[in-house]
Structure formats: C-alpha cells, structure tokens
C-alpha cells in the first residue's frame, strides 16, 4: 500500500470495480428516522442523513454513541426498531438480500481466518459472494496489489501485523465489487503510518465511484472525509463539511501558553462565559459560545505577563468537546 496513488493505481481501481463516478449528486444512501432500542434505552434515535455516490462520509462520536449500531443496521445485521435506509433505491428493511449484494462491510473486529493465507481469505469470501472462479483468480491478484500485499498473498494471516490485517480486511470487503462499503473504526489499533496509507487507498477507491461510510473517533480521520456527522447518545448533533461544522459552532477561541498553566485551567473552568478549556500540550484552548462573555471572563488573566494569549481558529476537536458538553446537558 502506498500513500501516494499513481495514475497506474487509479486505473487498477477502475478495473477492480468496473464502474466510474458519473454523477456526484446521485444519492447512494438515504437514512430516514433510523432507530434502535435495547429495552427502554435508545442506542440510535431517529437518524436522518444522505450520502452521495463517491462520497466519503464520516460518522464520528465517542464510544457508546450509536455508531456501531447504526452501521450494523445499514449492513442488515440488526433489525431497526424504527425507520429505514435505502441503498441505491433498495430498502435495507424490506430487501436485505439485495442490499447485502451491493455493500461491503468491515466490522471493528477483523473478519479474517488467521489459519488461511491472504489469498485464501479472498478466495473464501469471494466464493461466498458468488464471484465466479475465473474472475476471482484475477481479482485476488489485483486486490492484493491494491492494498500493498502482493508479496504476502501466500502467507498465513496469523503472521500479519495489525496494519496488514486491516488492509486485507479492506480488500475482503470489496472482493465482490460493492457499490458502498461500511467501515466501523477500520484503523483502530493501527500505527499512524498504516492509517495514512489506509486512507490513501480509501480516497483512491472513492475517486472511482465507490461510496464509503466510515465510523471513527480520530479527528485527523474526520478531516479526510468529504462530509461528517457527529453522533452522541444516538442522535446526530451536527452534520456538514469540516469547515461547515467548525463555522456552525460559533465558538470564539484563544490559545494561551506559559509556565504552570494548570492553575489557570482550574480558574477558567469556573468562569461564566468560558464554555470549554482543553489542554493541548503546553497550552490551553479556551473557547466560548458568546464572544463578549468570553472576553469579559478572560480579561483579568490577559494582563498576567507569564501567559501568552493568541486568538485562534477553533479546531474540530474543540468543536466536538463543546458538542459533548452541550449534549450532556441535553440528556441529563
């Protein structure tokens, strides 16, 4: 797997999928009122969103937010308590078999047989999906090359590193030429280099028309998505491009640095008008939803020479911390 995809790589992806992106505005997935209850607990509560063909859509949120339950329902592995999702016009609720033929699914737990080789895993899953033998043989070689495992096709998977297993898991999820793939925290436990390379392949696939829904709690991965939705307590709190989500937050943010900033953090936490104080290395991000109230709250501390204050743009992480704080208030 390579972080920089060449023209040759892009052409290889076209041959793998047999379709190209012609209309970015076509709706690949439409979710309407999707809900899942476990007893009286709402794991997912009335989700509504759309994903367009060729788009990488990121579903973000903390553990227990409802991401996995949402993806499991879209993959037809769990029955929704309410609502439905249509994938390319097919109902996940009423036409689960047809939907399964159009999607690839890579769950959090790696779905590989460790005693088999990489090629044997692709052979096994390809046959399950009904890919004919002649096509499958050629396709396995192309998939292994695509994910950078062409030299490891005859090696058993139990000897692979975590990053190699994740890459093979991706290849398995697209062995049957799906139109949409569902990736549930696909890079969990993977080192930064492998994560970067994994995302390079995702973008190469999306550029050729494959639609991707990926759940993650990594902010740097969120920034690689065309559009994101932040989910907490089973509800979408905000949705849009990264730029739109940050702008929608209406946060005013300062970065303050200096020696011994822990006492400053404790003091600011108690101030009216300061909605968030988050440490970032040797500095603090101090944010407020009301600019005037924030300015009044920090004014006494800005004259202290041991601290350096700078106005800054809120980061995506600032926005999500703020969203979580607000959602706790809403759900208490």
C-alpha atoms as a PDB file:
ATOM      1  CA  UNK A   1       0.000   0.000   0.000  1.00  0.00           C
ATOM      2  CA  UNK A   2       1.288   3.403  -0.943  1.00  0.00           C
ATOM      3  CA  UNK A   3       0.419   6.825   0.463  1.00  0.00           C
ATOM      4  CA  UNK A   4       0.716   8.430  -2.991  1.00  0.00           C
ATOM      5  CA  UNK A   5      -1.603   6.852  -5.590  1.00  0.00           C
ATOM      6  CA  UNK A   6      -0.275   6.975  -9.140  1.00  0.00           C
ATOM      7  CA  UNK A   7      -2.267   7.060 -12.379  1.00  0.00           C
ATOM      8  CA  UNK A   8      -1.474   3.385 -12.743  1.00  0.00           C
ATOM      9  CA  UNK A   9      -3.044   2.723  -9.330  1.00  0.00           C
ATOM     10  CA  UNK A  10      -6.169   4.693 -10.271  1.00  0.00           C
ATOM     11  CA  UNK A  11      -6.561   2.650 -13.466  1.00  0.00           C
ATOM     12  CA  UNK A  12      -6.231  -0.528 -11.429  1.00  0.00           C
ATOM     13  CA  UNK A  13      -9.104   0.573  -9.204  1.00  0.00           C
ATOM     14  CA  UNK A  14     -11.282   1.159 -12.281  1.00  0.00           C
ATOM     15  CA  UNK A  15     -10.656  -2.417 -13.395  1.00  0.00           C
ATOM     16  CA  UNK A  16     -11.494  -3.680  -9.907  1.00  0.00           C
ATOM     17  CA  UNK A  17     -14.886  -2.028  -9.743  1.00  0.00           C
ATOM     18  CA  UNK A  18     -15.980  -1.912 -13.329  1.00  0.00           C
ATOM     19  CA  UNK A  19     -17.825   1.393 -12.827  1.00  0.00           C
ATOM     20  CA  UNK A  20     -16.828   5.021 -12.752  1.00  0.00           C
ATOM     21  CA  UNK A  21     -18.211   8.045 -10.996  1.00  0.00           C
ATOM     22  CA  UNK A  22     -20.566   9.951 -13.301  1.00  0.00           C
ATOM     23  CA  UNK A  23     -22.795  11.956 -11.005  1.00  0.00           C
ATOM     24  CA  UNK A  24     -21.650  13.207  -7.621  1.00  0.00           C
ATOM     25  CA  UNK A  25     -25.207  14.319  -6.865  1.00  0.00           C
ATOM     26  CA  UNK A  26     -26.713  10.820  -7.069  1.00  0.00           C
ATOM     27  CA  UNK A  27     -27.888   9.626  -3.647  1.00  0.00           C
ATOM     28  CA  UNK A  28     -26.241   6.340  -2.709  1.00  0.00           C
ATOM     29  CA  UNK A  29     -27.682   6.016   0.805  1.00  0.00           C
ATOM     30  CA  UNK A  30     -30.712   7.691   2.357  1.00  0.00           C
ATOM     31  CA  UNK A  31     -31.408   7.161   6.076  1.00  0.00           C
ATOM     32  CA  UNK A  32     -34.826   8.206   7.392  1.00  0.00           C
ATOM     33  CA  UNK A  33     -35.855   8.010  11.051  1.00  0.00           C
ATOM     34  CA  UNK A  34     -33.496   5.120  11.781  1.00  0.00           C
ATOM     35  CA  UNK A  35     -33.794   3.991  15.420  1.00  0.00           C
ATOM     36  CA  UNK A  36     -32.642   1.133  17.600  1.00  0.00           C
ATOM     37  CA  UNK A  37     -33.837   0.439  21.128  1.00  0.00           C
ATOM     38  CA  UNK A  38     -32.484  -2.092  23.582  1.00  0.00           C
ATOM     39  CA  UNK A  39     -35.262  -2.343  26.115  1.00  0.00           C
ATOM     40  CA  UNK A  40     -36.049   1.257  27.033  1.00  0.00           C
ATOM     41  CA  UNK A  41     -32.610   2.521  26.027  1.00  0.00           C
ATOM     42  CA  UNK A  42     -32.303   4.308  22.691  1.00  0.00           C
ATOM     43  CA  UNK A  43     -28.955   3.356  21.131  1.00  0.00           C
ATOM     44  CA  UNK A  44     -29.957   5.155  17.933  1.00  0.00           C
ATOM     45  CA  UNK A  45     -32.734   7.716  17.885  1.00  0.00           C
ATOM     46  CA  UNK A  46     -34.296   8.843  14.612  1.00  0.00           C
ATOM     47  CA  UNK A  47     -31.237   9.394  12.410  1.00  0.00           C
ATOM     48  CA  UNK A  48     -31.708  11.233   9.109  1.00  0.00           C
ATOM     49  CA  UNK A  49     -28.929  11.780   6.553  1.00  0.00           C
ATOM     50  CA  UNK A  50     -27.922  11.168   2.958  1.00  0.00           C
ATOM     51  CA  UNK A  51     -24.655  10.124   1.341  1.00  0.00           C
ATOM     52  CA  UNK A  52     -23.924  10.807  -2.311  1.00  0.00           C
ATOM     53  CA  UNK A  53     -22.216   8.428  -4.701  1.00  0.00           C
ATOM     54  CA  UNK A  54     -18.440   8.617  -4.489  1.00  0.00           C
ATOM     55  CA  UNK A  55     -18.530  10.430  -1.154  1.00  0.00           C
ATOM     56  CA  UNK A  56     -16.609   9.539   1.996  1.00  0.00           C
ATOM     57  CA  UNK A  57     -18.975  10.154   4.896  1.00  0.00           C
ATOM     58  CA  UNK A  58     -17.581  10.090   8.424  1.00  0.00           C
ATOM     59  CA  UNK A  59     -19.721   9.126  11.397  1.00  0.00           C
ATOM     60  CA  UNK A  60     -17.974  10.438  14.492  1.00  0.00           C
ATOM     61  CA  UNK A  61     -18.617  10.161  18.169  1.00  0.00           C
ATOM     62  CA  UNK A  62     -17.367   8.667  21.432  1.00  0.00           C
ATOM     63  CA  UNK A  63     -17.673   5.029  22.416  1.00  0.00           C
ATOM     64  CA  UNK A  64     -21.309   4.153  23.042  1.00  0.00           C
ATOM     65  CA  UNK A  65     -22.586   6.957  20.803  1.00  0.00           C
ATOM     66  CA  UNK A  66     -24.500   4.591  18.499  1.00  0.00           C
ATOM     67  CA  UNK A  67     -22.052   4.360  15.599  1.00  0.00           C
ATOM     68  CA  UNK A  68     -21.729   0.573  15.584  1.00  0.00           C
ATOM     69  CA  UNK A  69     -25.474   0.024  15.988  1.00  0.00           C
ATOM     70  CA  UNK A  70     -26.104   2.353  13.043  1.00  0.00           C
ATOM     71  CA  UNK A  71     -23.627   0.576  10.787  1.00  0.00           C
ATOM     72  CA  UNK A  72     -24.941  -2.848  11.831  1.00  0.00           C
ATOM     73  CA  UNK A  73     -28.470  -1.808  10.792  1.00  0.00           C
ATOM     74  CA  UNK A  74     -27.213  -0.455   7.461  1.00  0.00           C
ATOM     75  CA  UNK A  75     -25.396  -3.757   6.925  1.00  0.00           C
ATOM     76  CA  UNK A  76     -28.721  -5.571   7.642  1.00  0.00           C
ATOM     77  CA  UNK A  77     -27.131  -7.371  10.595  1.00  0.00           C
ATOM     78  CA  UNK A  78     -29.531  -5.825  13.101  1.00  0.00           C
ATOM     79  CA  UNK A  79     -33.229  -5.093  12.707  1.00  0.00           C
ATOM     80  CA  UNK A  80     -34.105  -1.433  13.287  1.00  0.00           C
ATOM     81  CA  UNK A  81     -36.739  -0.539  15.876  1.00  0.00           C
ATOM     82  CA  UNK A  82     -37.970   2.195  13.555  1.00  0.00           C
ATOM     83  CA  UNK A  83     -37.203   3.936  10.304  1.00  0.00           C
ATOM     84  CA  UNK A  84     -35.355   2.562   7.305  1.00  0.00           C
ATOM     85  CA  UNK A  85     -32.393   3.066   4.990  1.00  0.00           C
ATOM     86  CA  UNK A  86     -32.404   2.810   1.216  1.00  0.00           C
ATOM     87  CA  UNK A  87     -29.205   1.939  -0.615  1.00  0.00           C
ATOM     88  CA  UNK A  88     -29.395   2.818  -4.297  1.00  0.00           C
ATOM     89  CA  UNK A  89     -33.168   2.613  -4.004  1.00  0.00           C
ATOM     90  CA  UNK A  90     -33.258  -0.711  -2.142  1.00  0.00           C
ATOM     91  CA  UNK A  91     -34.747  -0.916   1.348  1.00  0.00           C
ATOM     92  CA  UNK A  92     -32.456  -2.395   3.997  1.00  0.00           C
ATOM     93  CA  UNK A  93     -35.570  -3.380   5.956  1.00  0.00           C
ATOM     94  CA  UNK A  94     -37.619  -4.917   3.133  1.00  0.00           C
ATOM     95  CA  UNK A  95     -34.899  -6.050   0.715  1.00  0.00           C
ATOM     96  CA  UNK A  96     -31.977  -7.139   2.910  1.00  0.00           C
ATOM     97  CA  UNK A  97     -30.670  -9.745   0.465  1.00  0.00           C
ATOM     98  CA  UNK A  98     -30.438  -7.271  -2.416  1.00  0.00           C
ATOM     99  CA  UNK A  99     -28.783  -4.700  -0.141  1.00  0.00           C
ATOM    100  CA  UNK A 100     -26.158  -7.207   1.006  1.00  0.00           C
ATOM    101  CA  UNK A 101     -25.099  -7.768  -2.592  1.00  0.00           C
ATOM    102  CA  UNK A 102     -24.388  -4.049  -3.010  1.00  0.00           C
ATOM    103  CA  UNK A 103     -22.400  -3.404   0.149  1.00  0.00           C
ATOM    104  CA  UNK A 104     -19.064  -4.354   1.613  1.00  0.00           C
ATOM    105  CA  UNK A 105     -18.729  -4.449   5.392  1.00  0.00           C
ATOM    106  CA  UNK A 106     -15.619  -4.313   7.556  1.00  0.00           C
ATOM    107  CA  UNK A 107     -16.627  -4.518  11.249  1.00  0.00           C
ATOM    108  CA  UNK A 108     -14.479  -3.392  14.173  1.00  0.00           C
ATOM    109  CA  UNK A 109     -13.328  -6.945  14.788  1.00  0.00           C
ATOM    110  CA  UNK A 110     -11.180  -8.122  11.891  1.00  0.00           C
ATOM    111  CA  UNK A 111     -13.170 -10.682   9.899  1.00  0.00           C
ATOM    112  CA  UNK A 112     -10.399 -12.920   8.623  1.00  0.00           C
ATOM    113  CA  UNK A 113      -9.445 -16.566   9.079  1.00  0.00           C
ATOM    114  CA  UNK A 114      -5.957 -16.462  10.654  1.00  0.00           C
ATOM    115  CA  UNK A 115      -5.048 -20.015   9.629  1.00  0.00           C
ATOM    116  CA  UNK A 116      -5.612 -19.189   5.937  1.00  0.00           C
ATOM    117  CA  UNK A 117      -3.307 -17.199   3.693  1.00  0.00           C
ATOM    118  CA  UNK A 118      -4.238 -13.740   2.432  1.00  0.00           C
ATOM    119  CA  UNK A 119      -5.133 -15.153  -0.999  1.00  0.00           C
ATOM    120  CA  UNK A 120      -7.168 -17.980   0.560  1.00  0.00           C
ATOM    121  CA  UNK A 121      -9.166 -15.476   2.622  1.00  0.00           C
ATOM    122  CA  UNK A 122     -10.018 -13.511  -0.516  1.00  0.00           C
ATOM    123  CA  UNK A 123     -10.873 -16.748  -2.324  1.00  0.00           C
ATOM    124  CA  UNK A 124     -13.177 -17.853   0.505  1.00  0.00           C
ATOM    125  CA  UNK A 125     -15.088 -14.589   0.842  1.00  0.00           C
ATOM    126  CA  UNK A 126     -15.262 -14.124  -2.922  1.00  0.00           C
ATOM    127  CA  UNK A 127     -16.947 -17.502  -3.324  1.00  0.00           C
ATOM    128  CA  UNK A 128     -19.406 -16.677  -0.536  1.00  0.00           C
ATOM    129  CA  UNK A 129     -20.443 -13.619  -2.544  1.00  0.00           C
ATOM    130  CA  UNK A 130     -20.794 -15.694  -5.693  1.00  0.00           C
ATOM    131  CA  UNK A 131     -17.856 -14.300  -7.652  1.00  0.00           C
ATOM    132  CA  UNK A 132     -17.048 -16.827 -10.415  1.00  0.00           C
ATOM    133  CA  UNK A 133     -13.743 -18.645 -10.182  1.00  0.00           C
ATOM    134  CA  UNK A 134     -12.159 -17.234 -13.311  1.00  0.00           C
ATOM    135  CA  UNK A 135     -12.883 -13.643 -12.341  1.00  0.00           C
ATOM    136  CA  UNK A 136     -11.924 -14.258  -8.721  1.00  0.00           C
ATOM    137  CA  UNK A 137      -8.464 -15.560  -9.561  1.00  0.00           C
ATOM    138  CA  UNK A 138      -7.592 -12.412 -11.495  1.00  0.00           C
ATOM    139  CA  UNK A 139      -9.298 -10.186  -8.946  1.00  0.00           C
ATOM    140  CA  UNK A 140      -7.342 -11.585  -5.991  1.00  0.00           C
ATOM    141  CA  UNK A 141      -4.039 -10.583  -7.565  1.00  0.00           C
ATOM    142  CA  UNK A 142      -5.338  -7.086  -8.299  1.00  0.00           C
ATOM    143  CA  UNK A 143      -6.722  -6.637  -4.777  1.00  0.00           C
ATOM    144  CA  UNK A 144      -3.514  -7.783  -3.096  1.00  0.00           C
ATOM    145  CA  UNK A 145      -1.570  -5.336  -5.237  1.00  0.00           C
ATOM    146  CA  UNK A 146      -4.009  -2.536  -4.478  1.00  0.00           C
ATOM    147  CA  UNK A 147      -3.523  -2.896  -0.717  1.00  0.00           C
ATOM    148  CA  UNK A 148       0.210  -3.441  -0.957  1.00  0.00           C
ATOM    149  CA  UNK A 149       0.188  -7.133  -0.017  1.00  0.00           C
ATOM    150  CA  UNK A 150       1.193  -8.618  -3.369  1.00  0.00           C
ATOM    151  CA  UNK A 151       4.325 -10.110  -1.790  1.00  0.00           C
ATOM    152  CA  UNK A 152       2.344 -11.667   1.073  1.00  0.00           C
ATOM    153  CA  UNK A 153      -0.503 -13.463  -0.696  1.00  0.00           C
ATOM    154  CA  UNK A 154       0.771 -16.919   0.286  1.00  0.00           C
ATOM    155  CA  UNK A 155       1.485 -16.023   3.919  1.00  0.00           C
ATOM    156  CA  UNK A 156      -0.852 -17.016   6.732  1.00  0.00           C
ATOM    157  CA  UNK A 157      -2.791 -14.139   8.214  1.00  0.00           C
ATOM    158  CA  UNK A 158      -1.836 -15.026  11.791  1.00  0.00           C
ATOM    159  CA  UNK A 159       1.675 -13.815  10.917  1.00  0.00           C
ATOM    160  CA  UNK A 160       0.478 -10.415   9.733  1.00  0.00           C
ATOM    161  CA  UNK A 161       0.862  -7.156  11.629  1.00  0.00           C
ATOM    162  CA  UNK A 162      -2.237  -5.235  12.685  1.00  0.00           C
ATOM    163  CA  UNK A 163      -1.881  -2.838   9.772  1.00  0.00           C
ATOM    164  CA  UNK A 164      -1.552  -5.683   7.251  1.00  0.00           C
ATOM    165  CA  UNK A 165      -4.679  -7.334   8.631  1.00  0.00           C
ATOM    166  CA  UNK A 166      -6.615  -4.060   8.306  1.00  0.00           C
ATOM    167  CA  UNK A 167      -5.506  -3.700   4.694  1.00  0.00           C
ATOM    168  CA  UNK A 168      -6.527  -7.267   3.892  1.00  0.00           C
ATOM    169  CA  UNK A 169      -9.833  -6.680   5.665  1.00  0.00           C
ATOM    170  CA  UNK A 170     -10.433  -3.766   3.296  1.00  0.00           C
ATOM    171  CA  UNK A 171      -9.646  -5.973   0.293  1.00  0.00           C
ATOM    172  CA  UNK A 172     -12.072  -8.632   1.557  1.00  0.00           C
ATOM    173  CA  UNK A 173     -14.834  -6.029   1.929  1.00  0.00           C
ATOM    174  CA  UNK A 174     -14.617  -5.107  -1.769  1.00  0.00           C
ATOM    175  CA  UNK A 175     -13.883  -8.523  -3.293  1.00  0.00           C
ATOM    176  CA  UNK A 176     -17.420  -8.704  -4.789  1.00  0.00           C
ATOM    177  CA  UNK A 177     -17.372  -5.189  -6.362  1.00  0.00           C
ATOM    178  CA  UNK A 178     -19.771  -3.463  -3.923  1.00  0.00           C
ATOM    179  CA  UNK A 179     -21.230  -0.028  -4.603  1.00  0.00           C
ATOM    180  CA  UNK A 180     -20.902   1.073  -0.960  1.00  0.00           C
ATOM    181  CA  UNK A 181     -18.628  -0.013   1.883  1.00  0.00           C
ATOM    182  CA  UNK A 182     -19.283   0.306   5.596  1.00  0.00           C
ATOM    183  CA  UNK A 183     -16.156   0.607   7.727  1.00  0.00           C
ATOM    184  CA  UNK A 184     -16.570   0.501  11.503  1.00  0.00           C
ATOM    185  CA  UNK A 185     -13.482   2.106  13.073  1.00  0.00           C
ATOM    186  CA  UNK A 186     -11.262   0.417  10.470  1.00  0.00           C
ATOM    187  CA  UNK A 187      -7.948   1.755  11.788  1.00  0.00           C
ATOM    188  CA  UNK A 188      -8.407   1.043  15.500  1.00  0.00           C
ATOM    189  CA  UNK A 189      -5.079  -0.039  16.968  1.00  0.00           C
ATOM    190  CA  UNK A 190      -3.141   0.742  13.779  1.00  0.00           C
ATOM    191  CA  UNK A 191       0.019   2.872  13.777  1.00  0.00           C
ATOM    192  CA  UNK A 192      -0.078   6.373  12.167  1.00  0.00           C
ATOM    193  CA  UNK A 193       1.829   5.358   9.031  1.00  0.00           C
ATOM    194  CA  UNK A 194      -0.511   2.443   8.319  1.00  0.00           C
ATOM    195  CA  UNK A 195      -3.517   4.666   8.986  1.00  0.00           C
ATOM    196  CA  UNK A 196      -2.279   7.241   6.488  1.00  0.00           C
ATOM    197  CA  UNK A 197      -1.713   4.584   3.842  1.00  0.00           C
ATOM    198  CA  UNK A 198      -5.124   3.029   4.531  1.00  0.00           C
ATOM    199  CA  UNK A 199      -6.809   6.382   3.961  1.00  0.00           C
ATOM    200  CA  UNK A 200      -4.892   6.925   0.742  1.00  0.00           C
ATOM    201  CA  UNK A 201      -6.486   3.747  -0.588  1.00  0.00           C
ATOM    202  CA  UNK A 202      -9.951   4.801   0.604  1.00  0.00           C
ATOM    203  CA  UNK A 203      -9.639   8.074  -1.316  1.00  0.00           C
ATOM    204  CA  UNK A 204      -8.416   6.248  -4.426  1.00  0.00           C
ATOM    205  CA  UNK A 205     -11.479   3.986  -4.280  1.00  0.00           C
ATOM    206  CA  UNK A 206     -13.884   6.871  -3.702  1.00  0.00           C
ATOM    207  CA  UNK A 207     -12.383   8.757  -6.638  1.00  0.00           C
ATOM    208  CA  UNK A 208     -13.568   5.932  -8.893  1.00  0.00           C
ATOM    209  CA  UNK A 209     -17.141   5.988  -7.604  1.00  0.00           C
ATOM    210  CA  UNK A 210     -17.182   3.763  -4.516  1.00  0.00           C
ATOM    211  CA  UNK A 211     -19.255   5.262  -1.702  1.00  0.00           C
ATOM    212  CA  UNK A 212     -17.810   4.992   1.810  1.00  0.00           C
ATOM    213  CA  UNK A 213     -19.380   5.320   5.256  1.00  0.00           C
ATOM    214  CA  UNK A 214     -16.733   5.149   7.965  1.00  0.00           C
ATOM    215  CA  UNK A 215     -17.037   5.476  11.719  1.00  0.00           C
ATOM    216  CA  UNK A 216     -14.117   6.868  13.677  1.00  0.00           C
ATOM    217  CA  UNK A 217     -13.204   8.847  16.765  1.00  0.00           C
ATOM    218  CA  UNK A 218      -9.933  10.164  15.319  1.00  0.00           C
ATOM    219  CA  UNK A 219     -10.114  13.864  14.458  1.00  0.00           C
ATOM    220  CA  UNK A 220      -7.437  13.616  11.757  1.00  0.00           C
ATOM    221  CA  UNK A 221      -9.504  10.926  10.034  1.00  0.00           C
ATOM    222  CA  UNK A 222     -12.611  13.080  10.244  1.00  0.00           C
ATOM    223  CA  UNK A 223     -10.775  15.789   8.338  1.00  0.00           C
ATOM    224  CA  UNK A 224     -10.182  13.327   5.490  1.00  0.00           C
ATOM    225  CA  UNK A 225     -13.935  12.853   4.925  1.00  0.00           C
ATOM    226  CA  UNK A 226     -15.982  14.803   2.396  1.00  0.00           C
ATOM    227  CA  UNK A 227     -18.727  15.218   4.966  1.00  0.00           C
ATOM    228  CA  UNK A 228     -19.088  14.312   8.626  1.00  0.00           C
ATOM    229  CA  UNK A 229     -21.833  13.824  11.169  1.00  0.00           C
ATOM    230  CA  UNK A 230     -21.224  13.876  14.911  1.00  0.00           C
ATOM    231  CA  UNK A 231     -23.375  11.454  16.875  1.00  0.00           C
ATOM    232  CA  UNK A 232     -23.823  11.298  20.642  1.00  0.00           C
ATOM    233  CA  UNK A 233     -26.397   9.404  22.675  1.00  0.00           C
ATOM    234  CA  UNK A 234     -27.849   8.047  19.440  1.00  0.00           C
ATOM    235  CA  UNK A 235     -28.581  11.444  17.884  1.00  0.00           C
ATOM    236  CA  UNK A 236     -26.788  13.469  15.219  1.00  0.00           C
ATOM    237  CA  UNK A 237     -25.737  16.757  16.801  1.00  0.00           C
ATOM    238  CA  UNK A 238     -24.230  18.384  13.715  1.00  0.00           C
ATOM    239  CA  UNK A 239     -23.538  17.459  10.109  1.00  0.00           C
ATOM    240  CA  UNK A 240     -21.670  19.028   7.180  1.00  0.00           C
ATOM    241  CA  UNK A 241     -18.191  19.512   5.800  1.00  0.00           C
ATOM    242  CA  UNK A 242     -15.421  20.057   8.357  1.00  0.00           C
ATOM    243  CA  UNK A 243     -15.416  23.773   7.520  1.00  0.00           C
ATOM    244  CA  UNK A 244     -19.208  23.985   7.912  1.00  0.00           C
ATOM    245  CA  UNK A 245     -19.175  22.146  11.240  1.00  0.00           C
ATOM    246  CA  UNK A 246     -16.496  24.445  12.659  1.00  0.00           C
ATOM    247  CA  UNK A 247     -18.290  27.556  11.383  1.00  0.00           C
ATOM    248  CA  UNK A 248     -21.623  26.347  12.768  1.00  0.00           C
ATOM    249  CA  UNK A 249     -20.122  26.017  16.250  1.00  0.00           C
ATOM    250  CA  UNK A 250     -19.893  29.844  16.623  1.00  0.00           C
ATOM    251  CA  UNK A 251     -17.012  29.316  19.031  1.00  0.00           C
ATOM    252  CA  UNK A 252     -14.572  32.090  19.851  1.00  0.00           C
ATOM    253  CA  UNK A 253     -11.251  30.501  20.759  1.00  0.00           C
ATOM    254  CA  UNK A 254      -7.984  31.629  22.324  1.00  0.00           C
ATOM    255  CA  UNK A 255      -4.768  29.688  22.705  1.00  0.00           C
ATOM    256  CA  UNK A 256      -2.914  30.516  25.914  1.00  0.00           C
ATOM    257  CA  UNK A 257       0.563  29.244  26.740  1.00  0.00           C
ATOM    258  CA  UNK A 258       3.038  29.704  29.549  1.00  0.00           C
ATOM    259  CA  UNK A 259       4.627  28.014  32.520  1.00  0.00           C
ATOM    260  CA  UNK A 260       2.413  26.230  35.005  1.00  0.00           C
ATOM    261  CA  UNK A 261      -0.905  26.602  33.196  1.00  0.00           C
ATOM    262  CA  UNK A 262      -2.731  24.046  35.367  1.00  0.00           C
ATOM    263  CA  UNK A 263      -3.872  26.693  37.920  1.00  0.00           C
ATOM    264  CA  UNK A 264      -5.099  28.864  35.042  1.00  0.00           C
ATOM    265  CA  UNK A 265      -7.124  25.966  33.647  1.00  0.00           C
ATOM    266  CA  UNK A 266      -8.730  25.373  37.040  1.00  0.00           C
ATOM    267  CA  UNK A 267      -9.595  29.066  37.395  1.00  0.00           C
ATOM    268  CA  UNK A 268     -11.040  29.407  33.895  1.00  0.00           C
ATOM    269  CA  UNK A 269     -13.151  26.277  34.312  1.00  0.00           C
ATOM    270  CA  UNK A 270     -15.211  28.155  36.898  1.00  0.00           C
ATOM    271  CA  UNK A 271     -15.747  31.331  34.855  1.00  0.00           C
ATOM    272  CA  UNK A 272     -19.099  32.273  33.365  1.00  0.00           C
ATOM    273  CA  UNK A 273     -18.629  32.747  29.631  1.00  0.00           C
ATOM    274  CA  UNK A 274     -15.916  30.095  29.340  1.00  0.00           C
ATOM    275  CA  UNK A 275     -17.602  27.069  27.806  1.00  0.00           C
ATOM    276  CA  UNK A 276     -14.532  24.939  27.233  1.00  0.00           C
ATOM    277  CA  UNK A 277     -10.942  24.746  28.462  1.00  0.00           C
ATOM    278  CA  UNK A 278      -8.891  21.967  26.917  1.00  0.00           C
ATOM    279  CA  UNK A 279      -5.150  21.318  27.317  1.00  0.00           C
ATOM    280  CA  UNK A 280      -3.109  20.890  24.131  1.00  0.00           C
ATOM    281  CA  UNK A 281       0.479  20.067  25.067  1.00  0.00           C
ATOM    282  CA  UNK A 282       1.878  23.077  26.959  1.00  0.00           C
ATOM    283  CA  UNK A 283      -1.030  25.340  26.016  1.00  0.00           C
ATOM    284  CA  UNK A 284      -4.763  25.649  26.593  1.00  0.00           C
ATOM    285  CA  UNK A 285      -7.604  26.167  24.133  1.00  0.00           C
ATOM    286  CA  UNK A 286     -10.144  28.459  25.776  1.00  0.00           C
ATOM    287  CA  UNK A 287     -13.475  28.776  23.974  1.00  0.00           C
ATOM    288  CA  UNK A 288     -16.844  30.382  24.457  1.00  0.00           C
ATOM    289  CA  UNK A 289     -20.110  30.498  22.504  1.00  0.00           C
ATOM    290  CA  UNK A 290     -20.687  34.162  23.461  1.00  0.00           C
ATOM    291  CA  UNK A 291     -17.686  36.261  22.399  1.00  0.00           C
ATOM    292  CA  UNK A 292     -18.473  39.187  24.703  1.00  0.00           C
ATOM    293  CA  UNK A 293     -18.898  36.986  27.779  1.00  0.00           C
ATOM    294  CA  UNK A 294     -15.697  35.125  26.963  1.00  0.00           C
ATOM    295  CA  UNK A 295     -13.729  38.364  26.617  1.00  0.00           C
ATOM    296  CA  UNK A 296     -15.027  39.552  29.982  1.00  0.00           C
ATOM    297  CA  UNK A 297     -14.156  36.247  31.644  1.00  0.00           C
ATOM    298  CA  UNK A 298     -10.541  36.110  30.457  1.00  0.00           C
ATOM    299  CA  UNK A 299      -9.763  39.837  30.748  1.00  0.00           C
ATOM    300  CA  UNK A 300      -8.271  39.632  34.283  1.00  0.00           C
ATOM    301  CA  UNK A 301      -5.852  36.906  33.174  1.00  0.00           C
ATOM    302  CA  UNK A 302      -4.683  38.512  29.944  1.00  0.00           C
ATOM    303  CA  UNK A 303      -2.674  41.118  31.860  1.00  0.00           C
ATOM    304  CA  UNK A 304      -0.627  38.414  33.589  1.00  0.00           C
ATOM    305  CA  UNK A 305       2.807  38.535  31.898  1.00  0.00           C
ATOM    306  CA  UNK A 306       3.527  34.855  32.468  1.00  0.00           C
ATOM    307  CA  UNK A 307       0.824  33.887  29.970  1.00  0.00           C
ATOM    308  CA  UNK A 308       0.742  34.492  26.226  1.00  0.00           C
ATOM    309  CA  UNK A 309      -2.722  34.837  24.671  1.00  0.00           C
ATOM    310  CA  UNK A 310      -3.463  34.489  20.950  1.00  0.00           C
ATOM    311  CA  UNK A 311      -6.778  34.490  19.111  1.00  0.00           C
ATOM    312  CA  UNK A 312      -7.074  31.271  17.118  1.00  0.00           C
ATOM    313  CA  UNK A 313      -9.488  29.345  14.958  1.00  0.00           C
ATOM    314  CA  UNK A 314     -11.358  26.578  16.791  1.00  0.00           C
ATOM    315  CA  UNK A 315     -10.183  23.114  15.841  1.00  0.00           C
ATOM    316  CA  UNK A 316     -12.502  20.237  15.038  1.00  0.00           C
ATOM    317  CA  UNK A 317     -11.604  18.740  18.389  1.00  0.00           C
ATOM    318  CA  UNK A 318     -12.604  21.997  20.137  1.00  0.00           C
ATOM    319  CA  UNK A 319     -15.975  21.805  18.427  1.00  0.00           C
ATOM    320  CA  UNK A 320     -16.565  18.184  19.384  1.00  0.00           C
ATOM    321  CA  UNK A 321     -15.610  18.719  23.013  1.00  0.00           C
ATOM    322  CA  UNK A 322     -18.079  21.589  23.103  1.00  0.00           C
ATOM    323  CA  UNK A 323     -20.767  19.437  21.468  1.00  0.00           C
ATOM    324  CA  UNK A 324     -20.266  16.717  24.041  1.00  0.00           C
ATOM    325  CA  UNK A 325     -20.581  19.184  26.894  1.00  0.00           C
ATOM    326  CA  UNK A 326     -23.822  20.550  25.461  1.00  0.00           C
ATOM    327  CA  UNK A 327     -25.220  17.080  24.760  1.00  0.00           C
ATOM    328  CA  UNK A 328     -24.622  16.026  28.370  1.00  0.00           C
ATOM    329  CA  UNK A 329     -26.789  18.919  29.459  1.00  0.00           C
ATOM    330  CA  UNK A 330     -29.478  17.918  26.971  1.00  0.00           C
ATOM    331  CA  UNK A 331     -29.558  14.292  28.076  1.00  0.00           C
ATOM    332  CA  UNK A 332     -29.297  14.640  31.836  1.00  0.00           C
END
